Structure formats: structure tokens, C-alpha cells
Amino acid sequence: MSKTRLFFVTDIHGSDRLFLKFVNAGKVYKANVLVLGGDITGKTVTPVFDQGGSWKAQYVGTWREVRSESELNDLERNIRDLGSYPYRTTQSEWEKLRQNEASMENVFIEVMTASIKRWVQIAEERLKPIEAKIIINTGNDDLAVVGDILAQSEYVIYPNEKIVLI
């Protein structure tokens, strides 16, 4: 019987940086079971304003303006690393969203859902080749739709109301 090496984390709250460290830990620590315990989603959307030739967003309390697609991708990556979801918009569209709670919630669900789907894909790409099992659960800060997304994966194990043998 082979040994099981388990790597467990929780409460990454939407941070791409923490999620990538988590999935890379399988190879680094030779873990064959990785468990993400819950509270996986972020809590905020960061508007990235189209300025017509440049983009502007508030990042770590400072306004940043970028002028190329490469710089924009870096800015959005930095925002995701902190656990927020970048959302490309204009100042006027953002103001309209802020006036309508349902519309704002829809935007949040849209960007959060895209992030979780991307994470599931990354997990499969990085962990399947090393034959590691990945278990991701939701927590009290995660919306029910997150569990629905995880449950659709053929690779990621969503353990809610299941017994999972390790």
C-alpha cells in the first residue's frame, strides 16, 4: 500500500496567487491529495475603467493607469492575486451598476464564476499529470453556485454531503 501525503489549505478568498501556490504544492511537496477546505471565493469586484486608449483601476489604495494590453493583463493579474475580481467597464456603466444591487450582484457572480471555472481547469492541468487527487469544498463565505460549478467537474472532487475516501 502506498503512502498518502495530504496538503490542506483553507480561506484563500479568491486569491489567484494563493490558489496557484496550492496546486503547485502537489508537485513541490509530493502530495497526492490536496484539499482546499472552503471560503475559496473573493468578496470584491475591482472596476477597471476604460479611459479610451488607457485603463485605470484602484489597486492597493493607489490609482494605476496602464496603456497597453500587456500592462492591463498585469494589472488584472495583480488584482486577482489579492483576491478581488477585475471587471472591465466604464465610469458611467459602473455608476449605473452601483445604483442597482441586483445588477451588481450579477456582475459579481459572473466574474466569480469565471474565476472558479478557470481554477478547476488549472487544477486539472497541473494535478492530473502527477496523479494527485484534489478536493475542494465551499465555506460559509461562498455562494451556492460555487458548489454547483465544482460538482460539474469530472476531476475536482466536491465533497459536500459525500464520504470521500482518501
C-alpha atoms as a PDB file:
ATOM      1  CA  MET A   1       0.000   0.000   0.000  1.00  0.00           C
ATOM      2  CA  SER A   2       1.392   3.408  -0.963  1.00  0.00           C
ATOM      3  CA  LYS A   3       1.576   6.262   1.498  1.00  0.00           C
ATOM      4  CA  THR A   4      -0.764   9.217   1.334  1.00  0.00           C
ATOM      5  CA  ARG A   5       0.659  12.703   1.626  1.00  0.00           C
ATOM      6  CA  LEU A   6      -2.080  15.270   2.156  1.00  0.00           C
ATOM      7  CA  PHE A   7      -1.735  19.027   1.673  1.00  0.00           C
ATOM      8  CA  PHE A   8      -4.528  21.143   3.210  1.00  0.00           C
ATOM      9  CA  VAL A   9      -5.329  24.864   2.969  1.00  0.00           C
ATOM     10  CA  THR A  10      -8.403  26.951   3.571  1.00  0.00           C
ATOM     11  CA  ASP A  11      -9.640  30.543   3.366  1.00  0.00           C
ATOM     12  CA  ILE A  12      -7.839  31.716   0.239  1.00  0.00           C
ATOM     13  CA  HIS A  13     -10.722  34.104  -0.505  1.00  0.00           C
ATOM     14  CA  GLY A  14     -10.323  34.462  -4.253  1.00  0.00           C
ATOM     15  CA  SER A  15      -6.558  34.969  -4.377  1.00  0.00           C
ATOM     16  CA  ASP A  16      -5.083  33.604  -7.595  1.00  0.00           C
ATOM     17  CA  ARG A  17      -1.625  33.703  -6.017  1.00  0.00           C
ATOM     18  CA  LEU A  18      -2.723  31.503  -3.122  1.00  0.00           C
ATOM     19  CA  PHE A  19      -4.623  29.119  -5.380  1.00  0.00           C
ATOM     20  CA  LEU A  20      -1.606  28.688  -7.669  1.00  0.00           C
ATOM     21  CA  LYS A  21       0.639  28.037  -4.664  1.00  0.00           C
ATOM     22  CA  PHE A  22      -1.900  25.464  -3.507  1.00  0.00           C
ATOM     23  CA  VAL A  23      -1.995  23.490  -6.770  1.00  0.00           C
ATOM     24  CA  ASN A  24       1.785  23.752  -7.209  1.00  0.00           C
ATOM     25  CA  ALA A  25       2.245  22.297  -3.725  1.00  0.00           C
ATOM     26  CA  GLY A  26       1.267  18.899  -5.083  1.00  0.00           C
ATOM     27  CA  LYS A  27       4.440  18.641  -7.083  1.00  0.00           C
ATOM     28  CA  VAL A  28       6.679  20.556  -4.664  1.00  0.00           C
ATOM     29  CA  TYR A  29       5.703  18.525  -1.584  1.00  0.00           C
ATOM     30  CA  LYS A  30       4.925  15.314  -3.465  1.00  0.00           C
ATOM     31  CA  ALA A  31       1.386  15.420  -2.109  1.00  0.00           C
ATOM     32  CA  ASN A  32      -1.022  13.006  -3.734  1.00  0.00           C
ATOM     33  CA  VAL A  33      -4.126  14.502  -2.081  1.00  0.00           C
ATOM     34  CA  LEU A  34      -4.769  18.243  -1.990  1.00  0.00           C
ATOM     35  CA  VAL A  35      -7.670  19.660  -0.005  1.00  0.00           C
ATOM     36  CA  LEU A  36      -8.984  23.202  -0.222  1.00  0.00           C
ATOM     37  CA  GLY A  37     -11.252  23.463   2.788  1.00  0.00           C
ATOM     38  CA  GLY A  38     -13.572  26.317   1.940  1.00  0.00           C
ATOM     39  CA  ASP A  39     -14.025  30.079   1.769  1.00  0.00           C
ATOM     40  CA  ILE A  40     -12.443  29.987  -1.649  1.00  0.00           C
ATOM     41  CA  THR A  41     -14.091  32.977  -3.312  1.00  0.00           C
ATOM     42  CA  GLY A  42     -13.233  36.653  -3.158  1.00  0.00           C
ATOM     43  CA  LYS A  43     -15.516  39.308  -1.768  1.00  0.00           C
ATOM     44  CA  THR A  44     -14.972  42.296  -4.051  1.00  0.00           C
ATOM     45  CA  VAL A  45     -15.059  43.407  -7.650  1.00  0.00           C
ATOM     46  CA  THR A  46     -12.482  45.977  -8.721  1.00  0.00           C
ATOM     47  CA  PRO A  47     -13.622  48.133 -11.631  1.00  0.00           C
ATOM     48  CA  VAL A  48     -11.032  48.632 -14.369  1.00  0.00           C
ATOM     49  CA  PHE A  49     -12.150  51.758 -16.190  1.00  0.00           C
ATOM     50  CA  ASP A  50     -11.789  52.135 -19.945  1.00  0.00           C
ATOM     51  CA  GLN A  51     -10.343  55.605 -20.485  1.00  0.00           C
ATOM     52  CA  GLY A  52     -10.334  55.371 -24.308  1.00  0.00           C
ATOM     53  CA  GLY A  53      -6.739  54.392 -25.024  1.00  0.00           C
ATOM     54  CA  SER A  54      -5.825  53.547 -21.459  1.00  0.00           C
ATOM     55  CA  TRP A  55      -7.277  51.711 -18.454  1.00  0.00           C
ATOM     56  CA  LYS A  56      -7.414  52.841 -14.847  1.00  0.00           C
ATOM     57  CA  ALA A  57      -8.071  50.966 -11.591  1.00  0.00           C
ATOM     58  CA  GLN A  58      -7.515  51.482  -7.912  1.00  0.00           C
ATOM     59  CA  TYR A  59      -5.032  48.877  -6.700  1.00  0.00           C
ATOM     60  CA  VAL A  60      -3.771  48.747  -3.098  1.00  0.00           C
ATOM     61  CA  GLY A  61      -5.191  52.205  -2.437  1.00  0.00           C
ATOM     62  CA  THR A  62      -3.472  53.837  -5.416  1.00  0.00           C
ATOM     63  CA  TRP A  63      -4.881  54.639  -8.831  1.00  0.00           C
ATOM     64  CA  ARG A  64      -2.918  52.865 -11.582  1.00  0.00           C
ATOM     65  CA  GLU A  65      -3.196  53.722 -15.256  1.00  0.00           C
ATOM     66  CA  VAL A  66      -1.973  51.357 -17.974  1.00  0.00           C
ATOM     67  CA  ARG A  67      -1.701  51.917 -21.698  1.00  0.00           C
ATOM     68  CA  SER A  68      -1.093  48.524 -23.291  1.00  0.00           C
ATOM     69  CA  GLU A  69      -2.828  45.156 -23.307  1.00  0.00           C
ATOM     70  CA  SER A  70       0.211  43.628 -21.619  1.00  0.00           C
ATOM     71  CA  GLU A  71       0.115  46.195 -18.808  1.00  0.00           C
ATOM     72  CA  LEU A  72      -3.648  45.700 -18.482  1.00  0.00           C
ATOM     73  CA  ASN A  73      -3.193  41.932 -18.135  1.00  0.00           C
ATOM     74  CA  ASP A  74      -0.545  42.525 -15.431  1.00  0.00           C
ATOM     75  CA  LEU A  75      -2.836  44.919 -13.556  1.00  0.00           C
ATOM     76  CA  GLU A  76      -5.725  42.442 -13.656  1.00  0.00           C
ATOM     77  CA  ARG A  77      -3.428  39.626 -12.512  1.00  0.00           C
ATOM     78  CA  ASN A  78      -2.302  41.780  -9.571  1.00  0.00           C
ATOM     79  CA  ILE A  79      -5.931  42.460  -8.653  1.00  0.00           C
ATOM     80  CA  ARG A  80      -6.759  38.725  -8.798  1.00  0.00           C
ATOM     81  CA  ASP A  81      -3.670  37.893  -6.722  1.00  0.00           C
ATOM     82  CA  LEU A  82      -5.136  40.000  -3.902  1.00  0.00           C
ATOM     83  CA  GLY A  83      -8.450  38.123  -4.054  1.00  0.00           C
ATOM     84  CA  SER A  84     -10.550  40.667  -5.930  1.00  0.00           C
ATOM     85  CA  TYR A  85     -12.153  40.238  -9.336  1.00  0.00           C
ATOM     86  CA  PRO A  86     -11.224  42.765 -12.024  1.00  0.00           C
ATOM     87  CA  TYR A  87     -14.151  43.964 -14.112  1.00  0.00           C
ATOM     88  CA  ARG A  88     -13.606  45.969 -17.288  1.00  0.00           C
ATOM     89  CA  THR A  89     -16.138  48.764 -17.532  1.00  0.00           C
ATOM     90  CA  THR A  90     -16.542  52.489 -17.995  1.00  0.00           C
ATOM     91  CA  GLN A  91     -17.060  55.023 -15.230  1.00  0.00           C
ATOM     92  CA  SER A  92     -20.662  55.665 -16.340  1.00  0.00           C
ATOM     93  CA  GLU A  93     -21.520  51.939 -16.574  1.00  0.00           C
ATOM     94  CA  TRP A  94     -20.037  51.402 -13.113  1.00  0.00           C
ATOM     95  CA  GLU A  95     -22.097  54.225 -11.627  1.00  0.00           C
ATOM     96  CA  LYS A  96     -25.255  52.657 -13.084  1.00  0.00           C
ATOM     97  CA  LEU A  97     -24.294  49.282 -11.604  1.00  0.00           C
ATOM     98  CA  ARG A  98     -23.758  50.836  -8.188  1.00  0.00           C
ATOM     99  CA  GLN A  99     -27.337  52.124  -8.305  1.00  0.00           C
ATOM    100  CA  ASN A 100     -28.776  48.644  -8.912  1.00  0.00           C
ATOM    101  CA  GLU A 101     -27.963  45.978  -6.321  1.00  0.00           C
ATOM    102  CA  ALA A 102     -29.268  43.111  -8.477  1.00  0.00           C
ATOM    103  CA  SER A 103     -27.125  44.152 -11.443  1.00  0.00           C
ATOM    104  CA  MET A 104     -24.069  44.463  -9.214  1.00  0.00           C
ATOM    105  CA  GLU A 105     -24.713  41.017  -7.770  1.00  0.00           C
ATOM    106  CA  ASN A 106     -24.980  39.608 -11.308  1.00  0.00           C
ATOM    107  CA  VAL A 107     -21.600  41.118 -12.188  1.00  0.00           C
ATOM    108  CA  PHE A 108     -20.076  39.630  -9.040  1.00  0.00           C
ATOM    109  CA  ILE A 109     -21.476  36.175  -9.821  1.00  0.00           C
ATOM    110  CA  GLU A 110     -20.267  36.433 -13.435  1.00  0.00           C
ATOM    111  CA  VAL A 111     -16.643  37.277 -12.562  1.00  0.00           C
ATOM    112  CA  MET A 112     -16.527  34.911  -9.575  1.00  0.00           C
ATOM    113  CA  THR A 113     -17.920  32.045 -11.657  1.00  0.00           C
ATOM    114  CA  ALA A 114     -15.361  32.641 -14.413  1.00  0.00           C
ATOM    115  CA  SER A 115     -12.602  32.563 -11.801  1.00  0.00           C
ATOM    116  CA  ILE A 116     -13.739  29.269 -10.240  1.00  0.00           C
ATOM    117  CA  LYS A 117     -14.089  27.635 -13.674  1.00  0.00           C
ATOM    118  CA  ARG A 118     -10.556  28.784 -14.529  1.00  0.00           C
ATOM    119  CA  TRP A 119      -9.269  27.363 -11.238  1.00  0.00           C
ATOM    120  CA  VAL A 120     -10.889  23.985 -11.929  1.00  0.00           C
ATOM    121  CA  GLN A 121      -9.164  23.900 -15.322  1.00  0.00           C
ATOM    122  CA  ILE A 122      -5.794  24.854 -13.807  1.00  0.00           C
ATOM    123  CA  ALA A 123      -6.159  22.194 -11.110  1.00  0.00           C
ATOM    124  CA  GLU A 124      -6.798  19.510 -13.687  1.00  0.00           C
ATOM    125  CA  GLU A 125      -3.930  20.641 -15.946  1.00  0.00           C
ATOM    126  CA  ARG A 126      -1.406  20.697 -13.112  1.00  0.00           C
ATOM    127  CA  LEU A 127      -2.519  17.821 -10.904  1.00  0.00           C
ATOM    128  CA  LYS A 128      -3.771  15.175 -13.306  1.00  0.00           C
ATOM    129  CA  PRO A 129      -0.282  14.512 -14.747  1.00  0.00           C
ATOM    130  CA  ILE A 130       1.093  13.811 -11.245  1.00  0.00           C
ATOM    131  CA  GLU A 131      -1.972  11.703 -10.393  1.00  0.00           C
ATOM    132  CA  ALA A 132      -2.923  13.838  -7.410  1.00  0.00           C
ATOM    133  CA  LYS A 133      -6.454  13.887  -6.078  1.00  0.00           C
ATOM    134  CA  ILE A 134      -7.952  17.339  -5.417  1.00  0.00           C
ATOM    135  CA  ILE A 135     -10.847  18.004  -3.083  1.00  0.00           C
ATOM    136  CA  ILE A 136     -12.375  21.479  -2.963  1.00  0.00           C
ATOM    137  CA  ASN A 137     -15.143  22.357  -0.550  1.00  0.00           C
ATOM    138  CA  THR A 138     -17.115  25.543  -0.081  1.00  0.00           C
ATOM    139  CA  GLY A 139     -17.360  27.537   3.116  1.00  0.00           C
ATOM    140  CA  ASN A 140     -19.718  29.947   4.784  1.00  0.00           C
ATOM    141  CA  ASP A 141     -18.464  32.858   2.634  1.00  0.00           C
ATOM    142  CA  ASP A 142     -19.043  31.019  -0.667  1.00  0.00           C
ATOM    143  CA  LEU A 143     -22.249  31.230  -2.685  1.00  0.00           C
ATOM    144  CA  ALA A 144     -24.146  28.036  -3.554  1.00  0.00           C
ATOM    145  CA  VAL A 145     -23.283  28.463  -7.240  1.00  0.00           C
ATOM    146  CA  VAL A 146     -19.646  27.686  -6.361  1.00  0.00           C
ATOM    147  CA  GLY A 147     -20.620  24.203  -5.223  1.00  0.00           C
ATOM    148  CA  ASP A 148     -22.609  23.747  -8.426  1.00  0.00           C
ATOM    149  CA  ILE A 149     -19.529  24.587 -10.508  1.00  0.00           C
ATOM    150  CA  LEU A 150     -17.283  22.265  -8.500  1.00  0.00           C
ATOM    151  CA  ALA A 151     -19.819  19.435  -8.695  1.00  0.00           C
ATOM    152  CA  GLN A 152     -19.768  19.652 -12.514  1.00  0.00           C
ATOM    153  CA  SER A 153     -16.061  18.883 -12.703  1.00  0.00           C
ATOM    154  CA  GLU A 154     -15.052  15.363 -13.632  1.00  0.00           C
ATOM    155  CA  TYR A 155     -11.695  15.848 -11.907  1.00  0.00           C
ATOM    156  CA  VAL A 156     -12.172  18.049  -8.849  1.00  0.00           C
ATOM    157  CA  ILE A 157     -13.960  16.276  -6.015  1.00  0.00           C
ATOM    158  CA  TYR A 158     -16.660  18.354  -4.340  1.00  0.00           C
ATOM    159  CA  PRO A 159     -17.231  16.554  -1.011  1.00  0.00           C
ATOM    160  CA  ASN A 160     -20.439  18.232   0.108  1.00  0.00           C
ATOM    161  CA  GLU A 161     -22.777  15.592   1.587  1.00  0.00           C
ATOM    162  CA  LYS A 162     -20.438  12.781   0.451  1.00  0.00           C
ATOM    163  CA  ILE A 163     -17.995  10.438   2.046  1.00  0.00           C
ATOM    164  CA  VAL A 164     -14.662  10.767   0.259  1.00  0.00           C
ATOM    165  CA  LEU A 165     -12.027   8.100   0.733  1.00  0.00           C
ATOM    166  CA  ILE A 166      -8.513   9.469   0.814  1.00  0.00           C
END
